[in-house]
Amino acid sequence: MPLNDVPWTRPVRIRLQCGLERIFTGAYDALDFLENEWPLRHGERHERAVKTCRGALNGTIPAVIAREAFLAACLEAGMPAVMVPWKRRPSVHPGRPARVAII
């Protein structure tokens, strides 16, 4: 991760037009993809995503706004986000034995 990256609290997984999936962890990854690997068709949401990712990296726009703009641009280009379930925390503390009720 570059030093100037602004990480997102939750990564974005996108299904590319070729069918592969790719994970983006922050504004730097997203901006690099938007500027260097984007499909030929650039739309209004693509331009907005580029501006908001740059703003997030400059500290003028919150990371969550850049994340949402990136998701909207991907959707506009036919690359939907793939929903990933939240990882659940273990219900039992690893350092403590589970309590058992004795009747």
C-alpha atoms as a PDB file:
ATOM      1  CA  MET A   1       0.000   0.000   0.000  1.00  0.00           C
ATOM      2  CA  PRO A   2       1.469   3.391  -0.945  1.00  0.00           C
ATOM      3  CA  LEU A   3       2.192   5.820   1.875  1.00  0.00           C
ATOM      4  CA  ASN A   4      -0.347   8.362   0.641  1.00  0.00           C
ATOM      5  CA  ASP A   5      -3.207   5.866   0.310  1.00  0.00           C
ATOM      6  CA  VAL A   6      -6.537   6.431   2.009  1.00  0.00           C
ATOM      7  CA  PRO A   7      -7.815   2.958   2.937  1.00  0.00           C
ATOM      8  CA  TRP A   8     -11.515   2.151   2.985  1.00  0.00           C
ATOM      9  CA  THR A   9     -13.095   0.609   6.055  1.00  0.00           C
ATOM     10  CA  ARG A  10     -14.473  -2.178   3.865  1.00  0.00           C
ATOM     11  CA  PRO A  11     -12.764  -3.332   0.633  1.00  0.00           C
ATOM     12  CA  VAL A  12     -14.681  -3.295  -2.651  1.00  0.00           C
ATOM     13  CA  ARG A  13     -14.819  -6.441  -4.781  1.00  0.00           C
ATOM     14  CA  ILE A  14     -15.688  -5.773  -8.440  1.00  0.00           C
ATOM     15  CA  ARG A  15     -16.530  -8.283 -11.154  1.00  0.00           C
ATOM     16  CA  LEU A  16     -14.615  -7.121 -14.214  1.00  0.00           C
ATOM     17  CA  GLN A  17     -16.041  -7.360 -17.726  1.00  0.00           C
ATOM     18  CA  CYS A  18     -13.889 -10.433 -18.409  1.00  0.00           C
ATOM     19  CA  GLY A  19     -15.558 -12.215 -15.477  1.00  0.00           C
ATOM     20  CA  LEU A  20     -12.650 -12.058 -13.037  1.00  0.00           C
ATOM     21  CA  GLU A  21     -13.022 -10.417  -9.650  1.00  0.00           C
ATOM     22  CA  ARG A  22     -10.707  -7.793  -8.235  1.00  0.00           C
ATOM     23  CA  ILE A  23     -10.488  -6.272  -4.770  1.00  0.00           C
ATOM     24  CA  PHE A  24      -9.839  -2.565  -4.162  1.00  0.00           C
ATOM     25  CA  THR A  25      -8.765  -1.555  -0.665  1.00  0.00           C
ATOM     26  CA  GLY A  26      -8.549   2.229  -0.939  1.00  0.00           C
ATOM     27  CA  ALA A  27      -8.611   5.407  -2.968  1.00  0.00           C
ATOM     28  CA  TYR A  28      -5.152   4.846  -4.459  1.00  0.00           C
ATOM     29  CA  ASP A  29      -6.052   1.403  -5.874  1.00  0.00           C
ATOM     30  CA  ALA A  30      -9.308   2.764  -7.266  1.00  0.00           C
ATOM     31  CA  LEU A  31      -7.700   5.832  -8.861  1.00  0.00           C
ATOM     32  CA  ASP A  32      -4.966   3.739 -10.463  1.00  0.00           C
ATOM     33  CA  PHE A  33      -7.622   1.458 -11.961  1.00  0.00           C
ATOM     34  CA  LEU A  34      -9.787   4.386 -13.101  1.00  0.00           C
ATOM     35  CA  GLU A  35      -6.872   6.116 -14.848  1.00  0.00           C
ATOM     36  CA  ASN A  36      -4.903   3.174 -16.251  1.00  0.00           C
ATOM     37  CA  GLU A  37      -7.125   0.119 -16.690  1.00  0.00           C
ATOM     38  CA  TRP A  38     -10.640   1.481 -17.232  1.00  0.00           C
ATOM     39  CA  PRO A  39     -12.651   0.136 -20.181  1.00  0.00           C
ATOM     40  CA  LEU A  40     -12.836   2.414 -23.210  1.00  0.00           C
ATOM     41  CA  ARG A  41     -16.200   3.990 -22.386  1.00  0.00           C
ATOM     42  CA  HIS A  42     -15.811   6.817 -19.883  1.00  0.00           C
ATOM     43  CA  GLY A  43     -19.016   8.173 -18.409  1.00  0.00           C
ATOM     44  CA  GLU A  44     -20.084  10.925 -16.073  1.00  0.00           C
ATOM     45  CA  ARG A  45     -19.678   8.704 -13.022  1.00  0.00           C
ATOM     46  CA  HIS A  46     -16.156   7.734 -14.105  1.00  0.00           C
ATOM     47  CA  GLU A  47     -15.120  11.385 -14.146  1.00  0.00           C
ATOM     48  CA  ARG A  48     -16.747  11.970 -10.751  1.00  0.00           C
ATOM     49  CA  ALA A  49     -14.954   8.930  -9.306  1.00  0.00           C
ATOM     50  CA  VAL A  50     -11.586  10.171 -10.572  1.00  0.00           C
ATOM     51  CA  LYS A  51     -12.184  13.581  -8.953  1.00  0.00           C
ATOM     52  CA  THR A  52     -13.393  12.168  -5.645  1.00  0.00           C
ATOM     53  CA  CYS A  53     -10.543   9.642  -5.374  1.00  0.00           C
ATOM     54  CA  ARG A  54      -8.040  12.445  -6.010  1.00  0.00           C
ATOM     55  CA  GLY A  55      -9.824  14.546  -3.402  1.00  0.00           C
ATOM     56  CA  ALA A  56      -9.662  11.709  -0.878  1.00  0.00           C
ATOM     57  CA  LEU A  57      -5.930  11.319  -1.484  1.00  0.00           C
ATOM     58  CA  ASN A  58      -5.500  15.090  -1.011  1.00  0.00           C
ATOM     59  CA  GLY A  59      -7.515  14.997   2.212  1.00  0.00           C
ATOM     60  CA  THR A  60     -10.361  17.220   0.983  1.00  0.00           C
ATOM     61  CA  ILE A  61     -13.003  14.508   0.467  1.00  0.00           C
ATOM     62  CA  PRO A  62     -13.922  11.717   2.904  1.00  0.00           C
ATOM     63  CA  ALA A  63     -12.847   8.219   1.879  1.00  0.00           C
ATOM     64  CA  VAL A  64     -16.423   6.929   2.070  1.00  0.00           C
ATOM     65  CA  ILE A  65     -17.497   9.424  -0.633  1.00  0.00           C
ATOM     66  CA  ALA A  66     -14.680   8.266  -2.929  1.00  0.00           C
ATOM     67  CA  ARG A  67     -15.664   4.640  -2.299  1.00  0.00           C
ATOM     68  CA  GLU A  68     -19.295   5.292  -3.226  1.00  0.00           C
ATOM     69  CA  ALA A  69     -18.281   7.235  -6.354  1.00  0.00           C
ATOM     70  CA  PHE A  70     -16.026   4.364  -7.408  1.00  0.00           C
ATOM     71  CA  LEU A  71     -18.839   1.853  -6.914  1.00  0.00           C
ATOM     72  CA  ALA A  72     -21.193   4.029  -8.999  1.00  0.00           C
ATOM     73  CA  ALA A  73     -18.632   4.301 -11.813  1.00  0.00           C
ATOM     74  CA  CYS A  74     -18.105   0.549 -11.863  1.00  0.00           C
ATOM     75  CA  LEU A  75     -21.834  -0.061 -12.009  1.00  0.00           C
ATOM     76  CA  GLU A  76     -22.185   2.449 -14.875  1.00  0.00           C
ATOM     77  CA  ALA A  77     -19.462   0.585 -16.793  1.00  0.00           C
ATOM     78  CA  GLY A  78     -21.123  -2.803 -16.333  1.00  0.00           C
ATOM     79  CA  MET A  79     -18.802  -4.013 -13.581  1.00  0.00           C
ATOM     80  CA  PRO A  80     -21.009  -4.715 -10.558  1.00  0.00           C
ATOM     81  CA  ALA A  81     -19.786  -5.001  -7.011  1.00  0.00           C
ATOM     82  CA  VAL A  82     -19.733  -8.486  -5.542  1.00  0.00           C
ATOM     83  CA  MET A  83     -21.143  -8.571  -2.058  1.00  0.00           C
ATOM     84  CA  VAL A  84     -18.856 -10.208   0.469  1.00  0.00           C
ATOM     85  CA  PRO A  85     -20.346 -11.258   3.821  1.00  0.00           C
ATOM     86  CA  TRP A  86     -18.938  -9.652   6.946  1.00  0.00           C
ATOM     87  CA  LYS A  87     -16.536 -11.860   8.841  1.00  0.00           C
ATOM     88  CA  ARG A  88     -18.074 -12.783  12.168  1.00  0.00           C
ATOM     89  CA  ARG A  89     -16.050 -12.591  15.304  1.00  0.00           C
ATOM     90  CA  PRO A  90     -15.770 -15.784  17.326  1.00  0.00           C
ATOM     91  CA  SER A  91     -18.444 -15.935  19.984  1.00  0.00           C
ATOM     92  CA  VAL A  92     -16.051 -17.350  22.585  1.00  0.00           C
ATOM     93  CA  HIS A  93     -12.977 -15.485  23.734  1.00  0.00           C
ATOM     94  CA  PRO A  94      -9.958 -17.602  22.669  1.00  0.00           C
ATOM     95  CA  GLY A  95      -8.179 -17.133  26.012  1.00  0.00           C
ATOM     96  CA  ARG A  96     -11.170 -18.100  28.122  1.00  0.00           C
ATOM     97  CA  PRO A  97     -12.893 -21.484  28.270  1.00  0.00           C
ATOM     98  CA  ALA A  98     -16.561 -21.567  27.328  1.00  0.00           C
ATOM     99  CA  ARG A  99     -18.999 -21.485  30.240  1.00  0.00           C
ATOM    100  CA  VAL A 100     -21.118 -24.544  30.653  1.00  0.00           C
ATOM    101  CA  ALA A 101     -24.283 -24.580  32.744  1.00  0.00           C
ATOM    102  CA  ILE A 102     -24.394 -27.496  35.179  1.00  0.00           C
ATOM    103  CA  ILE A 103     -27.859 -28.544  36.251  1.00  0.00           C
END
